[in-house]
Amino acid sequence: MFKVILIASGKGGTGKTSLTANVAAALAERGHKVLAIDADSGLRNLDIVLGLSDSIVFSFADVAQGMAPLERAAVAHPTYPGLHLLTAPGILPRLADSQICGLMAAAEQLGFDYVLIDGPAGLAPEIGLFAKAATQGLVVAMPDQASVRGAERMARVLEQENIIRLRMVVNRVRPGLIRHGVMGNIDDVMDLVGLPLLGVVPEDEAVIACGSSGKDLLHLKRGGAATAFRNIAQRLDGIRLPVMRL
C-alpha cells in the first residue's frame, strides 16, 4: 500500500531530519522503494545527511510545476538502490494543493512504496501544503518541556488538516536526565502530546557524526539509534515490536 508520511516537529533541534533519513534508509534496506522529500525550503539539509549534496539538480517545486519529471529529478542513493531524494527549493514558490497531490500521484505511478516528507520545524507554509497529500503524520519530539509543547501544538494542527493516522517518536532520549527529573518520561510525553507512540530513539553521538559527514549510520553502527530507526521502519510496515528499553 502506498504511504505518504509527513514528518513534523514543533521546534528545531529534535533530530527530525536525521530520523527521516535513517528511517528512509531502513525502509529501503527492507526492500521498499522510498522517496524522501526535503520540504524545508531555504534551510534544506536532508541531502547532507544522506550524502547526496553533490547530486542535487531539481527540487520538489520543479517537479510539482512540471519543469522536470520525477524520474529525472529524484536522485538515487548509492548504497540503497530503492532510496531516492527530492530536495527543497531555495525559495518556496506559490504552489497549489493539486500540484503537490500530482507529485504524490507521480511517485505512486513510479512504484514508490513510501514517501517520507521531512517537513520544516514549526508551522511553516510547507506543513499545510504537504499535509493535504499525506496519508499519515509523524510528530517528532524530545522529552523536554519546550519540545513537548511544540509537539502538542503540531499534533493539533495536523489533526485539523485531517491526517487521520498520527503517531509520535520521542527522539534524542537521555535516560540519565529522565532519571534525575530534568526531562519528562516517555509516558508523560505521550499524555501531554496526545498521540500514540511509534518509537523511542536514544541520544547517540554517531547520529550527529554520520549526519554531518553524509556517512551511512545503519552500516557503520549496530545498536543504539541505528536499531531504533530499524524498529520504526518495521512498525511502519505493520510489524509489532516492543518499545526499545533505555
Protein backbone atom coordinates (compact mmCIF):
# COMPACT_ATOMS: atom_id res chain seq x y z
CA MET A 1 0.00 0.00 0.00
CA PHE A 2 1.29 3.44 -0.99
CA LYS A 3 2.04 5.58 2.09
CA VAL A 4 2.79 9.30 2.26
CA ILE A 5 4.12 10.23 5.70
CA LEU A 6 4.62 13.84 6.77
CA ILE A 7 7.29 14.05 9.49
CA ALA A 8 6.99 17.23 11.54
CA SER A 9 8.13 18.83 14.78
CA GLY A 10 7.00 21.81 16.80
CA LYS A 11 10.52 23.23 17.10
CA GLY A 12 14.01 22.78 15.73
CA GLY A 13 16.69 20.56 17.17
CA THR A 14 14.58 17.43 17.63
CA GLY A 15 16.61 15.38 15.14
CA LYS A 16 13.72 15.18 12.68
CA THR A 17 15.89 15.26 9.56
CA SER A 18 18.26 12.55 10.83
CA LEU A 19 15.25 10.43 11.73
CA THR A 20 13.72 10.93 8.27
CA ALA A 21 16.95 9.98 6.52
CA ASN A 22 17.64 6.89 8.60
CA VAL A 23 14.09 5.55 8.63
CA ALA A 24 14.00 6.03 4.85
CA ALA A 25 17.26 4.06 4.59
CA ALA A 26 15.90 1.35 6.90
CA LEU A 27 12.77 1.01 4.76
CA ALA A 28 14.91 0.76 1.60
CA GLU A 29 17.06 -1.82 3.40
CA ARG A 30 13.85 -3.84 3.84
CA GLY A 31 13.35 -3.85 0.08
CA HIS A 32 10.97 -0.92 -0.31
CA LYS A 33 11.17 1.80 -2.91
CA VAL A 34 11.30 5.04 -0.91
CA LEU A 35 11.14 8.70 -1.92
CA ALA A 36 12.49 11.08 0.72
CA ILE A 37 11.39 14.69 0.16
CA ASP A 38 13.04 17.63 1.88
CA ALA A 39 10.18 20.07 2.42
CA ASP A 40 12.17 22.66 4.37
CA SER A 41 12.66 25.39 1.77
CA GLY A 42 15.62 27.65 2.41
CA LEU A 43 17.05 25.56 5.26
CA ARG A 44 17.19 22.23 3.46
CA ASN A 45 19.79 19.74 4.69
CA LEU A 46 18.35 16.27 4.07
CA ASP A 47 20.79 15.98 1.15
CA ILE A 48 23.70 16.49 3.56
CA VAL A 49 22.53 13.76 5.93
CA LEU A 50 22.03 11.36 3.02
CA GLY A 51 25.40 12.24 1.45
CA LEU A 52 23.81 13.46 -1.79
CA SER A 53 24.71 17.15 -1.81
CA ASP A 54 26.75 16.89 -5.00
CA SER A 55 23.97 15.13 -6.91
CA ILE A 56 21.11 17.61 -6.47
CA VAL A 57 19.77 19.45 -9.54
CA PHE A 58 15.98 19.69 -9.29
CA SER A 59 13.63 20.38 -6.35
CA PHE A 60 10.13 19.21 -5.48
CA ALA A 61 8.87 22.58 -6.79
CA ASP A 62 10.38 21.84 -10.21
CA VAL A 63 8.50 18.55 -10.35
CA ALA A 64 5.25 19.99 -8.98
CA GLN A 65 5.34 22.78 -11.56
CA GLY A 66 6.05 20.39 -14.42
CA MET A 67 9.57 21.69 -15.09
CA ALA A 68 11.15 18.26 -14.59
CA PRO A 69 9.73 14.72 -14.41
CA LEU A 70 10.04 12.95 -11.08
CA GLU A 71 12.06 10.08 -12.54
CA ARG A 72 14.72 12.59 -13.61
CA ALA A 73 14.61 14.85 -10.54
CA ALA A 74 14.72 12.18 -7.81
CA VAL A 75 18.35 11.30 -7.01
CA ALA A 76 19.18 7.65 -6.25
CA HIS A 77 21.19 6.80 -3.15
CA PRO A 78 24.46 4.97 -3.89
CA THR A 79 24.08 2.43 -1.07
CA TYR A 80 20.33 1.79 -1.17
CA PRO A 81 19.08 1.39 -4.77
CA GLY A 82 15.47 1.79 -3.65
CA LEU A 83 16.04 5.12 -1.88
CA HIS A 84 15.66 8.39 -3.77
CA LEU A 85 15.85 12.04 -2.68
CA LEU A 86 13.93 15.07 -3.88
CA THR A 87 15.22 18.27 -2.31
CA ALA A 88 13.51 21.56 -1.46
CA PRO A 89 13.82 24.79 -3.45
CA GLY A 90 15.82 27.67 -2.05
CA ILE A 91 12.66 29.79 -2.03
CA LEU A 92 9.20 28.25 -1.90
CA PRO A 93 7.17 29.36 -4.95
CA ARG A 94 3.41 29.63 -4.94
CA LEU A 95 2.12 26.08 -5.34
CA ALA A 96 -1.40 24.72 -5.41
CA ASP A 97 -2.51 21.72 -3.35
CA SER A 98 -3.30 19.97 -6.64
CA GLN A 99 0.33 20.29 -7.75
CA ILE A 100 1.63 18.57 -4.61
CA CYS A 101 -1.04 15.88 -4.95
CA GLY A 102 0.10 15.45 -8.54
CA LEU A 103 3.65 14.91 -7.31
CA MET A 104 2.43 12.15 -5.00
CA ALA A 105 0.45 10.58 -7.82
CA ALA A 106 3.62 10.53 -9.94
CA ALA A 107 5.50 8.83 -7.08
CA GLU A 108 2.84 6.14 -6.85
CA GLN A 109 2.90 5.61 -10.61
CA LEU A 110 6.69 5.12 -10.48
CA GLY A 111 6.24 2.33 -7.96
CA PHE A 112 7.32 4.02 -4.75
CA ASP A 113 6.00 2.29 -1.65
CA TYR A 114 6.75 5.13 0.75
CA VAL A 115 7.11 8.88 0.51
CA LEU A 116 8.72 10.36 3.63
CA ILE A 117 8.38 14.14 3.81
CA ASP A 118 10.86 15.93 6.05
CA GLY A 119 8.77 18.95 6.99
CA PRO A 120 10.18 22.21 8.35
CA ALA A 121 10.25 22.77 12.10
CA GLY A 122 7.27 24.75 13.35
CA LEU A 123 4.29 25.99 11.40
CA ALA A 124 5.89 26.95 8.08
CA PRO A 125 3.72 27.08 4.92
CA GLU A 126 5.08 23.74 3.68
CA ILE A 127 3.31 21.95 6.54
CA GLY A 128 -0.15 22.85 5.27
CA LEU A 129 0.86 22.27 1.67
CA PHE A 130 2.12 18.72 2.19
CA ALA A 131 -0.48 17.81 4.82
CA LYS A 132 -3.10 17.86 2.08
CA ALA A 133 -1.32 14.99 0.34
CA ALA A 134 -0.22 12.97 3.39
CA THR A 135 -1.85 9.71 4.40
CA GLN A 136 -0.07 9.63 7.77
CA GLY A 137 1.69 12.04 10.10
CA LEU A 138 4.61 11.56 12.45
CA VAL A 139 5.42 14.15 15.12
CA VAL A 140 8.99 14.13 16.46
CA ALA A 141 9.68 15.44 19.96
CA MET A 142 12.38 15.41 22.57
CA PRO A 143 11.31 14.83 26.19
CA ASP A 144 11.88 18.44 27.32
CA GLN A 145 9.15 20.96 28.07
CA ALA A 146 9.71 23.27 25.10
CA SER A 147 9.80 20.41 22.60
CA VAL A 148 6.75 18.71 24.11
CA ARG A 149 4.76 21.94 23.98
CA GLY A 150 5.68 22.42 20.33
CA ALA A 151 4.83 18.80 19.53
CA GLU A 152 1.40 19.13 21.16
CA ARG A 153 0.68 22.21 19.04
CA MET A 154 1.87 20.46 15.88
CA ALA A 155 -0.29 17.43 16.64
CA ARG A 156 -3.40 19.62 16.87
CA VAL A 157 -2.51 21.38 13.60
CA LEU A 158 -2.11 18.07 11.75
CA GLU A 159 -5.40 16.84 13.20
CA GLN A 160 -7.08 19.93 11.76
CA GLU A 161 -5.55 19.05 8.40
CA ASN A 162 -7.50 15.76 8.59
CA ILE A 163 -4.48 13.48 8.71
CA ILE A 164 -6.23 10.50 10.27
CA ARG A 165 -3.27 8.41 11.39
CA LEU A 166 -0.94 10.42 13.61
CA ARG A 167 1.82 8.97 15.77
CA MET A 168 4.82 10.23 17.68
CA VAL A 169 8.52 9.45 18.01
CA VAL A 170 10.36 10.56 21.12
CA ASN A 171 13.85 11.27 19.86
CA ARG A 172 17.26 12.03 21.40
CA VAL A 173 16.25 10.48 24.72
CA ARG A 174 18.79 10.64 27.56
CA PRO A 175 17.76 8.13 30.25
CA GLY A 176 20.04 9.71 32.85
CA LEU A 177 18.31 13.07 32.53
CA ILE A 178 14.92 11.39 32.82
CA ARG A 179 16.02 9.58 36.00
CA HIS A 180 17.16 12.89 37.50
CA GLY A 181 13.89 14.61 36.61
CA VAL A 182 15.46 17.01 34.12
CA MET A 183 13.39 15.57 31.26
CA GLY A 184 9.94 14.04 31.34
CA ASN A 185 9.50 10.29 30.99
CA ILE A 186 8.03 8.73 27.87
CA ASP A 187 4.56 8.20 29.38
CA ASP A 188 4.38 11.87 30.37
CA VAL A 189 5.32 12.95 26.86
CA MET A 190 2.64 10.72 25.34
CA ASP A 191 -0.01 12.10 27.69
CA LEU A 192 0.91 15.72 27.00
CA VAL A 193 1.16 15.41 23.22
CA GLY A 194 -1.86 13.14 22.98
CA LEU A 195 -0.54 10.78 20.32
CA PRO A 196 0.26 7.05 20.29
CA LEU A 197 3.94 6.15 20.34
CA LEU A 198 5.64 4.77 17.24
CA GLY A 199 9.15 4.63 18.64
CA VAL A 200 11.81 5.86 21.03
CA VAL A 201 15.31 6.79 19.86
CA PRO A 202 18.21 7.23 22.31
CA GLU A 203 20.66 10.11 22.07
CA ASP A 204 23.56 8.78 20.02
CA GLU A 205 26.67 10.74 19.02
CA ALA A 206 27.02 8.53 15.95
CA VAL A 207 23.86 10.11 14.50
CA ILE A 208 25.47 13.55 14.62
CA ALA A 209 28.83 12.30 13.34
CA CYS A 210 27.31 10.42 10.39
CA GLY A 211 24.75 13.11 9.61
CA SER A 212 27.29 15.91 9.34
CA SER A 213 29.54 13.86 7.06
CA GLY A 214 26.88 12.08 4.99
CA LYS A 215 28.00 8.65 6.15
CA ASP A 216 25.63 5.69 6.39
CA LEU A 217 24.74 5.19 10.06
CA LEU A 218 22.93 1.89 9.54
CA HIS A 219 26.02 0.24 8.03
CA LEU A 220 28.54 1.79 10.41
CA LYS A 221 26.75 1.33 13.74
CA ARG A 222 24.96 -1.50 15.48
CA GLY A 223 22.65 -0.92 18.40
CA GLY A 224 21.61 2.46 19.78
CA ALA A 225 19.86 4.80 17.38
CA ALA A 226 20.50 2.52 14.38
CA THR A 227 18.43 -0.24 15.98
CA ALA A 228 15.73 2.27 16.94
CA PHE A 229 15.46 3.53 13.34
CA ARG A 230 15.17 -0.03 12.03
CA ASN A 231 12.47 -0.77 14.62
CA ILE A 232 10.47 2.27 13.49
CA ALA A 233 10.72 1.12 9.87
CA GLN A 234 9.39 -2.30 10.84
CA ARG A 235 6.47 -0.76 12.73
CA LEU A 236 5.61 1.36 9.68
CA ASP A 237 5.48 -1.96 7.82
CA GLY A 238 2.91 -3.23 10.33
CA ILE A 239 5.25 -5.43 12.40
CA ARG A 240 4.59 -5.39 16.14
CA LEU A 241 7.72 -4.83 18.21
CA PRO A 242 8.24 -3.90 21.85
CA VAL A 243 9.49 -0.37 22.51
CA MET A 244 13.25 -0.21 22.99
CA ARG A 245 14.34 -0.28 26.63
CA LEU A 246 16.61 2.61 27.51
